[in-house]
Amino acid sequence: MSEPSEWLIYRGIGEPHDEVAQLPPPPPWRDFAGASGGADGAESADRRLGIPGRIADEHRPGAEELEMINAALYLRRPLLVTGDPGAGKSTLAHSVARELEFGKVLRWPVVSRTTLLDGLYHYDAIARLQDVQIASHAAAAGGGGAGADSAQSVGSYIRLGPLGTALLPSDRPRVLLIDELDKSDIDLPNDLLNVLEEGEFAIPELERIADRLPDGEADVLDHDGNKVRIKGGRVQCRAFPFVVLTSNGERDFPAPLMRRCIHLELGRPDHKRLAAFVKAHLGEEAARSSEDLITLFLERSRSELLATDQLLNAIYLTQAAAPTGRDRLADLLIQRLDRPR
């Protein structure tokens, strides 16, 4: 029997070595393509959904889940998805985007400091001021630079956020994932109401100079890094985006937001769904050989808050690295998330 320490790359011995080259390929959900990654969002979707087609072949959403998703699509209303961590809330957005060919998911992760403006656009006033000063010094030195602060240049300092990009006029909607809205400041859910209801917003920095712009238009960058043209300083959607708001249930939302959303509660996944999830990411053999870990995970999840990510991590690592210390390592990786600190 091999020693558990044989799988260790870092051993704490203080001597440099190059055994990092012995690391196996990363888990599929932590495999980043870097410069070779596709701009269509396929790489990000694969990390969420597993090998293309596998999760669709192995698991079909329940009737209620399908009905609520389609209700949001038909009614052009945001879908508020609640449930425990790891229930598949964010994965749902990627699944819809892939099946309906809506392109790359626009993800807006929410934290306590997030404001509505963060999702709409960012105007880099400091960069513009720096460029104005550089142009002014160059002109004073006889090096030219006149016109560097023209109205036409303002768009160069504006970049749309994920919400702003989702509201760009197009014939095909985008998928916008507003992730963990329950972590937001108390004002953000209310601030979202008007934008989601009207499907438009203004960019004051462009509105006030629209009469000085050619045809009232300015080029800005969208969240994907592409140049898009804004007319009259306003963005107004043509096809309302498929908006997925996720929440772990850490707070209640105001009634005005709730009545504008379709609400879907995702329950804890059962054995069949967990096995399909493992098979989608790690293959059929991994799912078959890990039946005991899946069963143990389900038993513990009845009284403990656990996330599916923990199960995937445990199965991958115990199979790829440490077969001899399997149970002990799995216990270390699958720790309850609601334990007292």
Protein backbone atom coordinates (compact mmCIF):
# COMPACT_ATOMS: atom_id res chain seq x y z
CA MET A 1 0.00 0.00 0.00
CA SER A 2 1.38 3.41 -0.98
CA GLU A 3 1.88 6.06 1.65
CA PRO A 4 -0.61 8.94 1.65
CA SER A 5 2.27 11.40 1.40
CA GLU A 6 3.22 10.13 -2.06
CA TRP A 7 0.63 12.36 -3.70
CA LEU A 8 1.93 15.53 -2.04
CA ILE A 9 3.66 18.06 -4.31
CA TYR A 10 4.47 20.60 -1.61
CA ARG A 11 6.07 18.78 1.34
CA GLY A 12 7.33 21.66 3.49
CA ILE A 13 10.95 20.45 3.33
CA GLY A 14 12.39 23.85 2.45
CA GLU A 15 14.34 22.55 -0.57
CA PRO A 16 13.40 23.76 -4.09
CA HIS A 17 12.29 21.08 -6.55
CA ASP A 18 10.36 20.92 -9.83
CA GLU A 19 7.79 18.27 -8.99
CA VAL A 20 4.96 20.71 -9.74
CA ALA A 21 5.28 19.31 -13.25
CA GLN A 22 3.85 16.06 -11.84
CA LEU A 23 0.49 17.69 -11.09
CA PRO A 24 -2.31 16.03 -13.09
CA PRO A 25 -4.55 18.13 -15.35
CA PRO A 26 -6.83 20.47 -13.37
CA PRO A 27 -10.40 19.53 -12.54
CA PRO A 28 -12.64 20.39 -15.50
CA TRP A 29 -14.37 23.13 -13.49
CA ARG A 30 -10.97 24.77 -12.80
CA ASP A 31 -9.52 24.44 -16.32
CA PHE A 32 -8.87 27.87 -17.79
CA ALA A 33 -8.01 28.21 -21.48
CA GLY A 34 -6.32 31.60 -21.16
CA ALA A 35 -5.52 33.26 -24.48
CA SER A 36 -6.99 30.32 -26.38
CA GLY A 37 -10.39 30.63 -24.72
CA GLY A 38 -13.34 31.39 -26.95
CA ALA A 39 -15.06 34.74 -26.81
CA ASP A 40 -18.45 33.05 -27.12
CA GLY A 41 -18.37 31.95 -23.50
CA ALA A 42 -18.14 28.21 -24.29
CA GLU A 43 -15.17 27.79 -21.93
CA SER A 44 -17.03 29.33 -18.98
CA ALA A 45 -20.16 27.32 -19.75
CA ASP A 46 -18.20 24.07 -19.91
CA ARG A 47 -16.79 24.73 -16.44
CA ARG A 48 -20.35 25.11 -15.16
CA LEU A 49 -22.10 22.43 -17.19
CA GLY A 50 -19.45 19.79 -17.77
CA ILE A 51 -18.67 18.13 -21.07
CA PRO A 52 -21.12 19.52 -23.68
CA GLY A 53 -24.23 17.39 -23.85
CA ARG A 54 -23.49 15.23 -20.79
CA ILE A 55 -25.60 17.08 -18.28
CA ALA A 56 -28.47 17.35 -20.75
CA ASP A 57 -28.26 13.63 -21.48
CA GLU A 58 -28.13 12.64 -17.81
CA HIS A 59 -30.56 15.06 -16.19
CA ARG A 60 -33.75 16.82 -17.19
CA PRO A 61 -35.03 19.70 -15.05
CA GLY A 62 -38.23 19.03 -13.17
CA ALA A 63 -41.60 20.16 -14.52
CA GLU A 64 -41.86 23.14 -12.15
CA GLU A 65 -38.33 24.28 -12.96
CA LEU A 66 -39.02 24.14 -16.71
CA GLU A 67 -42.33 25.96 -16.32
CA MET A 68 -40.85 28.81 -14.29
CA ILE A 69 -37.93 29.26 -16.71
CA ASN A 70 -40.28 29.35 -19.68
CA ALA A 71 -42.65 31.69 -17.86
CA ALA A 72 -39.77 34.16 -17.44
CA LEU A 73 -38.89 33.79 -21.13
CA TYR A 74 -42.48 34.33 -22.30
CA LEU A 75 -43.25 37.21 -19.93
CA ARG A 76 -39.84 38.91 -20.31
CA ARG A 77 -39.56 39.00 -16.54
CA PRO A 78 -36.48 38.41 -14.36
CA LEU A 79 -36.19 34.93 -12.85
CA LEU A 80 -35.38 34.98 -9.12
CA VAL A 81 -33.74 31.66 -8.26
CA THR A 82 -33.29 30.81 -4.57
CA GLY A 83 -31.77 27.80 -2.87
CA ASP A 84 -28.83 26.55 -0.87
CA PRO A 85 -25.23 27.01 -2.10
CA GLY A 86 -24.41 24.50 -4.82
CA ALA A 87 -28.06 23.86 -5.75
CA GLY A 88 -27.40 24.85 -9.37
CA LYS A 89 -28.72 28.42 -9.40
CA SER A 90 -25.91 29.93 -11.48
CA THR A 91 -25.65 26.80 -13.63
CA LEU A 92 -29.26 27.36 -14.72
CA ALA A 93 -28.31 30.62 -16.47
CA HIS A 94 -25.51 28.91 -18.40
CA SER A 95 -27.78 26.01 -19.33
CA VAL A 96 -30.40 28.33 -20.82
CA ALA A 97 -27.76 30.35 -22.66
CA ARG A 98 -26.26 27.22 -24.22
CA GLU A 99 -29.51 25.56 -25.27
CA LEU A 100 -31.10 28.73 -26.71
CA GLU A 101 -27.80 30.00 -28.19
CA PHE A 102 -27.96 33.32 -26.35
CA GLY A 103 -24.17 33.69 -26.34
CA LYS A 104 -21.84 34.27 -23.42
CA VAL A 105 -23.52 34.76 -20.04
CA LEU A 106 -23.04 38.27 -18.69
CA ARG A 107 -22.23 37.72 -15.01
CA TRP A 108 -22.61 40.46 -12.42
CA PRO A 109 -21.34 39.23 -9.03
CA VAL A 110 -22.88 41.26 -6.21
CA VAL A 111 -21.14 42.23 -2.97
CA SER A 112 -22.13 44.56 -0.14
CA ARG A 113 -20.58 47.59 -1.89
CA THR A 114 -22.20 46.98 -5.29
CA THR A 115 -24.30 49.83 -6.70
CA LEU A 116 -26.62 50.04 -9.69
CA LEU A 117 -24.06 52.14 -11.55
CA ASP A 118 -21.52 49.29 -11.29
CA GLY A 119 -23.83 47.16 -13.40
CA LEU A 120 -24.73 49.87 -15.90
CA TYR A 121 -21.44 51.53 -16.85
CA HIS A 122 -18.18 53.03 -15.64
CA TYR A 123 -16.87 56.44 -16.68
CA ASP A 124 -13.14 56.81 -16.12
CA ALA A 125 -12.93 60.53 -15.36
CA ILE A 126 -9.40 60.23 -13.95
CA ALA A 127 -8.03 58.69 -17.15
CA ARG A 128 -9.69 61.42 -19.19
CA LEU A 129 -8.20 64.13 -16.98
CA GLN A 130 -4.76 62.57 -17.32
CA ASP A 131 -5.07 62.51 -21.10
CA VAL A 132 -6.20 66.14 -21.14
CA GLN A 133 -3.15 67.15 -19.09
CA ILE A 134 -0.80 65.18 -21.34
CA ALA A 135 -2.33 66.78 -24.44
CA SER A 136 -2.12 70.23 -22.86
CA HIS A 137 1.58 69.79 -22.03
CA ALA A 138 2.27 68.49 -25.54
CA ALA A 139 0.51 71.49 -27.10
CA ALA A 140 2.43 73.91 -24.86
CA ALA A 141 5.68 72.30 -25.96
CA GLY A 142 4.73 72.66 -29.60
CA GLY A 143 4.08 68.97 -30.04
CA GLY A 144 0.45 69.24 -31.07
CA GLY A 145 -2.29 67.44 -29.19
CA ALA A 146 -5.04 69.92 -29.99
CA GLY A 147 -8.51 68.50 -29.82
CA ALA A 148 -7.56 65.64 -27.51
CA ASP A 149 -10.42 66.66 -25.19
CA SER A 150 -13.05 66.93 -27.91
CA ALA A 151 -16.58 65.72 -27.26
CA GLN A 152 -15.99 62.77 -29.56
CA SER A 153 -13.37 61.38 -27.19
CA VAL A 154 -15.70 61.01 -24.18
CA GLY A 155 -16.91 57.60 -25.30
CA SER A 156 -13.36 56.29 -25.07
CA TYR A 157 -13.59 56.55 -21.28
CA ILE A 158 -16.90 54.72 -20.89
CA ARG A 159 -17.33 50.97 -20.51
CA LEU A 160 -20.69 49.32 -20.08
CA GLY A 161 -21.18 46.91 -17.21
CA PRO A 162 -22.94 43.54 -17.50
CA LEU A 163 -26.41 45.04 -16.97
CA GLY A 164 -25.71 47.87 -19.40
CA THR A 165 -24.46 45.41 -22.02
CA ALA A 166 -27.50 43.16 -21.57
CA LEU A 167 -29.75 46.14 -22.38
CA LEU A 168 -28.05 47.00 -25.67
CA PRO A 169 -30.51 46.84 -28.57
CA SER A 170 -30.28 43.51 -30.40
CA ASP A 171 -32.66 41.08 -32.04
CA ARG A 172 -31.56 38.21 -29.78
CA PRO A 173 -31.53 38.54 -25.98
CA ARG A 174 -28.50 37.98 -23.81
CA VAL A 175 -28.46 36.11 -20.51
CA LEU A 176 -27.65 38.29 -17.49
CA LEU A 177 -26.71 36.54 -14.25
CA ILE A 178 -27.00 38.84 -11.22
CA ASP A 179 -25.29 36.53 -8.77
CA GLU A 180 -26.00 36.50 -5.01
CA LEU A 181 -28.25 39.55 -4.88
CA ASP A 182 -28.92 38.82 -1.22
CA LYS A 183 -25.38 40.00 -0.41
CA SER A 184 -26.14 43.51 -1.70
CA ASP A 185 -26.67 46.75 0.13
CA ILE A 186 -30.26 47.26 1.21
CA ASP A 187 -30.88 49.78 -1.62
CA LEU A 188 -29.75 47.79 -4.67
CA PRO A 189 -32.89 45.62 -5.14
CA ASN A 190 -35.04 48.77 -5.17
CA ASP A 191 -32.60 50.59 -7.44
CA LEU A 192 -32.91 47.78 -9.99
CA LEU A 193 -36.68 48.16 -10.29
CA ASN A 194 -36.88 51.03 -12.77
CA VAL A 195 -34.13 49.76 -15.08
CA LEU A 196 -35.59 46.24 -15.23
CA GLU A 197 -39.10 47.62 -15.71
CA GLU A 198 -38.26 50.14 -18.43
CA GLY A 199 -35.43 48.26 -20.16
CA GLU A 200 -33.40 51.44 -20.65
CA PHE A 201 -31.03 53.84 -18.93
CA ALA A 202 -29.19 57.09 -19.61
CA ILE A 203 -25.48 57.88 -19.66
CA PRO A 204 -25.40 61.55 -18.53
CA GLU A 205 -21.79 62.04 -19.70
CA LEU A 206 -22.98 61.35 -23.26
CA GLU A 207 -26.44 62.90 -22.99
CA ARG A 208 -25.10 66.36 -22.19
CA ILE A 209 -22.84 66.43 -25.27
CA ALA A 210 -25.11 64.55 -27.69
CA ASP A 211 -25.69 67.68 -29.80
CA ARG A 212 -21.92 67.96 -30.34
CA LEU A 213 -21.46 64.35 -31.44
CA PRO A 214 -21.69 63.24 -35.09
CA ASP A 215 -25.34 62.16 -35.50
CA GLY A 216 -25.53 62.24 -31.71
CA GLU A 217 -23.61 58.96 -31.51
CA ALA A 218 -20.56 57.85 -29.53
CA ASP A 219 -18.59 54.61 -29.47
CA VAL A 220 -18.07 52.94 -26.09
CA LEU A 221 -16.87 49.53 -24.96
CA ASP A 222 -19.33 46.91 -23.83
CA HIS A 223 -18.68 44.40 -21.04
CA ASP A 224 -17.21 41.94 -23.56
CA GLY A 225 -14.66 44.53 -24.76
CA ASN A 226 -16.37 45.24 -28.09
CA LYS A 227 -17.05 48.72 -29.45
CA VAL A 228 -20.73 49.59 -29.59
CA ARG A 229 -22.47 52.76 -30.70
CA ILE A 230 -24.70 54.70 -28.31
CA LYS A 231 -27.15 57.26 -29.73
CA GLY A 232 -28.33 60.27 -27.78
CA GLY A 233 -26.63 59.07 -24.61
CA ARG A 234 -29.31 56.45 -23.94
CA VAL A 235 -29.33 52.65 -24.05
CA GLN A 236 -32.68 51.00 -24.77
CA CYS A 237 -33.12 47.28 -25.26
CA ARG A 238 -34.96 45.73 -28.18
CA ALA A 239 -35.10 42.15 -26.91
CA PHE A 240 -35.36 42.09 -23.11
CA PRO A 241 -32.52 39.98 -21.68
CA PHE A 242 -33.11 36.73 -19.81
CA VAL A 243 -32.24 37.96 -16.30
CA VAL A 244 -31.42 35.43 -13.58
CA LEU A 245 -31.20 36.79 -10.03
CA THR A 246 -29.75 34.29 -7.56
CA SER A 247 -30.05 34.30 -3.79
CA ASN A 248 -28.89 31.98 -1.03
CA GLY A 249 -31.77 33.16 1.13
CA GLU A 250 -29.70 35.36 3.45
CA ARG A 251 -32.32 38.13 3.31
CA ASP A 252 -35.82 38.97 2.11
CA PHE A 253 -36.43 41.21 -0.89
CA PRO A 254 -38.90 44.10 -1.13
CA ALA A 255 -42.38 43.31 -2.41
CA PRO A 256 -42.06 45.56 -5.52
CA LEU A 257 -39.10 43.46 -6.72
CA MET A 258 -40.80 40.17 -5.92
CA ARG A 259 -43.92 41.03 -7.90
CA ARG A 260 -41.82 41.87 -10.94
CA CYS A 261 -39.98 38.53 -10.85
CA ILE A 262 -40.80 34.91 -11.52
CA HIS A 263 -39.69 33.02 -8.40
CA LEU A 264 -38.11 29.57 -8.60
CA GLU A 265 -37.00 27.72 -5.47
CA LEU A 266 -34.41 25.01 -6.13
CA GLY A 267 -34.49 22.20 -3.58
CA ARG A 268 -31.61 20.01 -2.53
CA PRO A 269 -30.47 17.72 -5.35
CA ASP A 270 -31.37 14.03 -4.99
CA HIS A 271 -29.07 11.05 -5.63
CA LYS A 272 -29.93 10.88 -9.33
CA ARG A 273 -29.18 14.56 -9.88
CA LEU A 274 -25.91 14.43 -7.96
CA ALA A 275 -24.78 11.36 -9.90
CA ALA A 276 -25.61 13.13 -13.17
CA PHE A 277 -23.67 16.17 -11.99
CA VAL A 278 -20.59 14.04 -11.18
CA LYS A 279 -20.89 12.16 -14.47
CA ALA A 280 -21.14 15.41 -16.45
CA HIS A 281 -17.89 16.72 -14.99
CA LEU A 282 -15.82 13.62 -14.27
CA GLY A 283 -17.26 10.83 -16.37
CA GLU A 284 -19.31 7.70 -15.81
CA GLU A 285 -16.55 5.72 -14.08
CA ALA A 286 -16.04 8.46 -11.49
CA ALA A 287 -19.77 8.53 -10.73
CA ARG A 288 -19.95 4.75 -10.41
CA SER A 289 -16.90 4.44 -8.14
CA SER A 290 -18.07 7.31 -5.93
CA GLU A 291 -21.54 6.03 -5.10
CA ASP A 292 -20.60 5.78 -1.42
CA LEU A 293 -19.41 9.40 -1.29
CA ILE A 294 -22.59 10.60 -3.02
CA THR A 295 -24.72 8.64 -0.53
CA LEU A 296 -22.74 9.99 2.43
CA PHE A 297 -23.03 13.52 1.07
CA LEU A 298 -26.80 13.18 0.79
CA GLU A 299 -27.13 11.82 4.32
CA ARG A 300 -25.07 14.64 5.78
CA SER A 301 -26.89 17.31 3.75
CA ARG A 302 -30.14 16.49 5.57
CA SER A 303 -28.78 18.10 8.73
CA GLU A 304 -25.79 20.13 7.47
CA LEU A 305 -25.39 22.90 4.89
CA LEU A 306 -23.17 21.46 2.15
CA ALA A 307 -22.42 22.53 -1.43
CA THR A 308 -22.20 20.31 -4.50
CA ASP A 309 -18.82 21.84 -5.31
CA GLN A 310 -17.43 20.16 -2.19
CA LEU A 311 -18.56 16.75 -3.42
CA LEU A 312 -16.91 17.28 -6.82
CA ASN A 313 -13.68 18.41 -5.17
CA ALA A 314 -13.63 15.36 -2.90
CA ILE A 315 -14.31 12.88 -5.71
CA TYR A 316 -11.70 14.39 -8.02
CA LEU A 317 -8.97 14.62 -5.40
CA THR A 318 -9.51 11.23 -3.81
CA GLN A 319 -9.41 9.59 -7.24
CA ALA A 320 -6.58 11.61 -8.75
CA ALA A 321 -4.31 11.97 -5.77
CA ALA A 322 -4.90 10.04 -2.59
CA PRO A 323 -6.64 6.65 -2.91
CA THR A 324 -5.24 5.39 0.41
CA GLY A 325 -6.50 8.29 2.55
CA ARG A 326 -9.78 8.57 0.65
CA ASP A 327 -12.31 8.76 3.48
CA ARG A 328 -10.21 11.03 5.68
CA LEU A 329 -9.47 13.44 2.81
CA ALA A 330 -13.14 13.50 1.75
CA ASP A 331 -14.13 14.46 5.30
CA LEU A 332 -11.61 17.28 5.27
CA LEU A 333 -12.97 18.65 1.99
CA ILE A 334 -16.67 18.26 2.76
CA GLN A 335 -17.09 20.42 5.83
CA ARG A 336 -20.41 21.91 6.81
CA LEU A 337 -20.82 25.53 5.72
CA ASP A 338 -23.10 26.45 8.60
CA ARG A 339 -20.83 25.37 11.43
CA PRO A 340 -20.19 27.88 14.22
CA ARG A 341 -17.07 29.98 13.71
